[in-house]
Protein backbone atom coordinates (compact mmCIF):
# COMPACT_ATOMS: atom_id res chain seq x y z
CA MET A 1 -51.65 44.94 15.80
CA SER A 2 -48.98 44.17 18.35
CA ARG A 3 -47.40 41.71 15.92
CA ILE A 4 -47.26 44.33 13.17
CA TYR A 5 -45.65 46.80 15.58
CA THR A 6 -43.05 44.20 16.53
CA LEU A 7 -42.23 43.51 12.87
CA ILE A 8 -41.85 47.23 12.15
CA THR A 9 -39.57 47.65 15.15
CA LYS A 10 -37.36 44.76 14.07
CA PHE A 11 -37.27 46.06 10.50
CA ASN A 12 -36.13 49.48 11.74
CA GLN A 13 -33.45 47.86 13.85
CA VAL A 14 -32.17 45.98 10.80
CA LEU A 15 -32.06 49.21 8.77
CA ILE A 16 -30.18 50.98 11.55
CA PHE A 17 -27.70 48.08 11.76
CA ILE A 18 -27.11 48.13 7.97
CA GLY A 19 -26.72 51.91 8.02
CA ALA A 20 -24.18 51.67 10.84
CA ILE A 21 -22.15 49.09 8.88
CA ILE A 22 -22.16 51.30 5.77
CA PHE A 23 -21.15 54.37 7.79
CA ILE A 24 -18.30 52.53 9.57
CA SER A 25 -17.11 51.09 6.24
CA PHE A 26 -17.06 54.57 4.70
CA LEU A 27 -15.07 56.00 7.61
CA SER A 28 -12.60 53.11 7.42
CA TYR A 29 -12.11 53.65 3.69
CA GLN A 30 -11.49 57.39 4.15
CA PHE A 31 -9.06 56.70 6.98
CA TYR A 32 -7.15 54.17 4.86
CA LYS A 33 -7.07 56.47 1.83
CA ASP A 34 -5.79 59.46 3.82
CA PHE A 35 -2.98 57.56 5.52
CA SER A 36 -1.92 55.22 2.71
CA ARG A 37 -1.62 57.65 -0.18
CA GLU A 38 1.68 59.41 -0.87
CA ARG A 39 1.68 63.08 -0.03
CA TYR A 40 2.48 65.33 -2.98
CA GLU A 41 5.73 67.25 -2.88
CA PRO A 42 6.70 69.86 -5.48
CA PRO A 43 9.57 68.83 -7.80
CA LYS A 44 13.05 69.35 -6.37
CA VAL A 45 16.60 68.06 -6.80
CA LYS A 46 19.09 67.32 -4.03
CA VAL A 47 22.36 69.28 -4.32
CA VAL A 48 25.74 67.71 -3.50
CA ASP A 49 29.28 69.06 -3.89
CA SER A 50 30.66 65.60 -4.55
CA LEU A 51 29.14 62.22 -5.35
CA GLU A 52 31.42 60.76 -2.68
CA SER A 53 30.91 62.25 0.77
CA GLU A 54 32.60 61.32 4.04
CA THR A 55 29.60 59.24 5.10
CA ALA A 56 28.23 57.68 1.92
CA VAL A 57 28.46 57.48 -1.83
CA VAL A 58 25.60 59.28 -3.54
CA GLU A 59 24.36 57.34 -6.55
CA PRO A 60 22.33 59.56 -8.89
CA ILE A 61 19.61 57.92 -10.95
CA TYR A 62 19.20 59.22 -14.50
CA LYS A 63 16.25 58.67 -16.82
CA LEU A 64 15.47 60.00 -20.30
CA ASP A 65 11.91 60.88 -21.27
CA PHE A 66 11.11 61.62 -24.91
CA LEU A 67 9.29 64.95 -25.22
CA THR A 68 8.79 65.76 -28.90
CA SER A 69 10.53 66.38 -32.22
CA ILE A 70 11.19 69.85 -33.63
CA LYS A 71 12.25 70.03 -37.26
CA ASP A 72 15.33 67.76 -37.43
CA VAL A 73 15.91 67.19 -33.71
CA TYR A 74 14.42 64.90 -31.08
CA VAL A 75 14.06 66.46 -27.64
CA PHE A 76 14.54 64.40 -24.48
CA LYS A 77 14.16 65.40 -20.82
CA LEU A 78 16.90 64.11 -18.52
CA LYS A 79 15.65 63.50 -14.98
CA SER A 80 17.63 62.80 -11.83
CA ASN A 81 17.28 62.80 -8.06
CA VAL A 82 20.68 64.49 -7.49
CA VAL A 83 22.81 67.19 -9.12
CA GLN A 84 26.51 67.74 -8.52
CA THR A 85 27.03 71.45 -9.08
CA SER A 86 30.82 71.43 -8.90
CA SER A 87 31.57 69.40 -12.03
CA GLU A 88 30.95 69.41 -15.77
CA ILE A 89 28.68 66.84 -17.37
CA GLU A 90 30.28 63.42 -17.83
CA ALA A 91 28.97 60.23 -19.42
CA VAL A 92 26.21 58.78 -17.26
CA GLU A 93 24.26 55.54 -17.17
CA VAL A 94 20.72 56.33 -18.25
CA HIS A 95 17.76 54.17 -17.25
CA LEU A 96 15.34 54.08 -20.19
CA PHE A 97 12.92 51.93 -18.20
CA ALA A 98 13.48 52.99 -14.61
CA GLY A 99 11.37 51.61 -11.83
CA GLY A 100 11.11 51.68 -8.07
CA GLY A 101 10.61 54.54 -5.65
CA ASP A 102 13.76 56.48 -6.56
CA TYR A 103 12.46 57.21 -10.04
CA TYR A 104 9.45 59.09 -8.72
CA ASP A 105 11.77 61.44 -6.84
CA ALA A 106 13.53 62.41 -10.08
CA SER A 107 13.14 65.90 -11.54
CA PRO A 108 14.25 67.49 -14.84
CA VAL A 109 17.93 68.48 -14.66
CA ASN A 110 18.77 68.92 -18.36
CA LEU A 111 17.45 68.62 -21.91
CA MET A 112 19.11 66.60 -24.65
CA PHE A 113 18.71 67.32 -28.37
CA ALA A 114 19.50 64.41 -30.71
CA ARG A 115 19.72 64.13 -34.49
CA ASP A 116 19.45 61.24 -36.93
CA ASP A 117 23.21 61.40 -37.60
CA GLY A 118 23.93 60.33 -34.02
CA SER A 119 24.98 63.76 -32.72
CA THR A 120 23.60 64.99 -29.39
CA ARG A 121 23.68 68.26 -27.47
CA PHE A 122 22.91 68.96 -23.82
CA LEU A 123 21.24 72.28 -23.11
CA LEU A 124 23.32 72.93 -19.95
CA ASP A 125 27.03 72.35 -19.31
CA LYS A 126 26.15 71.56 -15.69
CA HIS A 127 22.97 69.88 -14.54
CA ALA A 128 20.48 72.15 -12.75
CA PHE A 129 16.77 72.15 -11.90
CA ILE A 130 14.65 73.04 -14.94
CA GLN A 131 11.51 74.36 -13.29
CA ASP A 132 9.63 75.10 -16.50
CA PHE A 133 10.20 75.30 -20.24
CA SER A 134 8.35 76.00 -23.47
CA LEU A 135 9.67 74.67 -26.78
CA ALA A 136 9.61 76.49 -30.12
CA LYS A 137 6.45 76.23 -32.22
CA ASP A 138 6.23 77.08 -35.92
CA THR A 139 2.46 77.40 -36.08
CA ASP A 140 -0.43 78.38 -33.86
CA SER A 141 -2.07 75.56 -31.95
CA GLU A 142 -4.71 75.06 -29.31
CA PHE A 143 -1.88 75.22 -26.75
CA GLY A 144 -0.60 78.71 -27.61
CA HIS A 145 1.03 81.13 -30.06
CA LYS A 146 3.94 80.78 -32.46
CA GLN A 147 7.27 80.80 -30.68
CA ALA A 148 10.61 81.15 -32.50
CA LEU A 149 12.86 80.17 -29.56
CA ASN A 150 12.87 77.68 -26.71
CA LEU A 151 12.28 79.30 -23.31
CA TYR A 152 13.43 77.89 -19.98
CA SER A 153 13.08 78.80 -16.30
CA ILE A 154 16.15 77.31 -14.59
CA VAL A 155 17.34 77.12 -10.97
CA GLN A 156 21.14 76.75 -10.77
CA GLN A 157 21.97 77.81 -7.22
CA ASP A 158 20.64 76.69 -3.85
CA SER A 159 19.92 80.29 -2.89
CA ASN A 160 18.05 79.50 0.33
CA GLY A 161 20.60 76.91 1.49
CA ASP A 162 18.16 74.06 2.20
CA GLY A 163 20.16 71.49 0.21
CA PHE A 164 17.75 71.34 -2.73
CA LEU A 165 17.13 73.13 -6.01
CA ASP A 166 13.41 73.91 -6.24
CA LYS A 167 10.84 76.62 -6.84
CA ASN A 168 11.86 78.40 -3.62
CA ASP A 169 15.31 79.26 -5.04
CA SER A 170 16.12 82.15 -7.35
CA LYS A 171 15.66 81.27 -11.01
CA ASP A 172 16.76 82.71 -14.36
CA LEU A 173 15.03 82.86 -17.72
CA TYR A 174 16.97 81.42 -20.64
CA ALA A 175 16.30 81.23 -24.36
CA SER A 176 17.89 79.10 -27.08
CA ASN A 177 17.41 78.06 -30.68
CA TYR A 178 15.01 75.18 -31.30
CA ASP A 179 17.94 72.68 -31.13
CA GLY A 180 19.29 73.96 -27.79
CA SER A 181 22.13 76.00 -29.31
CA ASP A 182 23.06 79.62 -28.46
CA LEU A 183 21.69 79.59 -24.91
CA VAL A 184 21.32 83.13 -23.51
CA SER A 185 19.80 84.65 -20.37
CA GLY A 186 18.88 88.05 -19.04
CA PHE A 187 15.33 88.09 -17.64
CA ASP A 188 13.65 86.79 -14.51
CA SER A 189 10.28 85.51 -15.78
CA TYR A 190 8.13 85.51 -18.88
CA ASP A 191 4.63 85.10 -20.31
CA LEU A 192 3.94 84.29 -23.97
CA ILE A 193 1.37 86.91 -25.02
CA ASP A 194 1.32 86.72 -28.84
CA ASP A 195 3.13 85.12 -31.78
CA ASP A 196 6.86 85.36 -30.97
CA MET A 197 6.12 87.98 -28.31
CA ILE A 198 6.74 87.53 -24.58
CA MET A 199 6.21 89.80 -21.60
CA VAL A 200 9.34 89.56 -19.45
CA SER A 201 10.25 90.98 -16.07
CA LYS A 202 13.63 92.01 -14.70
CA GLN A 203 14.70 93.24 -11.29
CA GLU A 204 16.37 96.65 -11.70
CA GLY A 205 16.08 98.01 -8.20
CA GLU A 206 12.38 97.49 -8.71
CA GLU A 207 10.65 95.14 -11.11
CA SER A 208 10.58 96.31 -14.73
CA PHE A 209 8.62 94.85 -17.64
CA TYR A 210 9.60 94.48 -21.30
CA ILE A 211 8.05 93.19 -24.50
CA PHE A 212 10.60 90.91 -26.18
CA ASN A 213 10.35 89.76 -29.80
CA LEU A 214 11.69 86.22 -30.12
CA ALA A 215 11.95 86.39 -33.91
CA ASP A 216 14.36 89.34 -34.14
CA SER A 217 15.59 89.65 -30.48
CA THR A 218 14.34 93.23 -30.10
CA SER A 219 12.67 94.55 -26.97
CA PHE A 220 11.14 97.68 -25.51
CA LYS A 221 10.32 98.65 -21.94
CA ILE A 222 6.73 99.06 -20.74
CA ASN A 223 6.08 102.19 -18.70
CA THR A 224 4.79 100.93 -15.37
CA ASP A 225 5.67 104.02 -13.30
CA LEU A 226 3.07 104.70 -10.63
CA PRO A 227 1.74 108.27 -10.34
CA PHE A 228 2.08 108.26 -6.56
């Protein structure tokens, strides 16, 4: 009986030892995962007045990502880690296969529309931070309604003065034809609610809401007056 008790005691000690090893291994793995992984930061673009400062030369990294084709144009997203707000767009060296850490800091600063004949068009005359965009769609799909125009939410000014263009700065809503031509603005935000119909907001002392028809560019204001 005493021998059986001794065996049970030793067996329990072995189980406790194995359990302790598993528990310590789990804690070590969690510790390593928490401290080794990169912390997520929302997309942003550094703003500079000049690519040559008094202390260093800023070298922007550009990369083109293919997005989709619409009718006769191919749409590319131009990404960069830096925008120079004081100059017009010039020819830049684009990395089609960029690598290294700097690429992961890049954010969308423009869209390029290309045709088979070799012609290209940039959406913006000056690079900015394109926070969000929705491209024209001819037919309904599982992703949403028909949409006659391209819609963009763009940050062009460092309104909070932190040296970056990001979601914390003031943004403007723009619309263009499917090929990036005839870019216009006038609203602050939008939601696609039906085929070629968006709900838009605009600050007019207080926030006002409109229904805007993308197909014929007509709109009407929604009465949101409060009775108190």
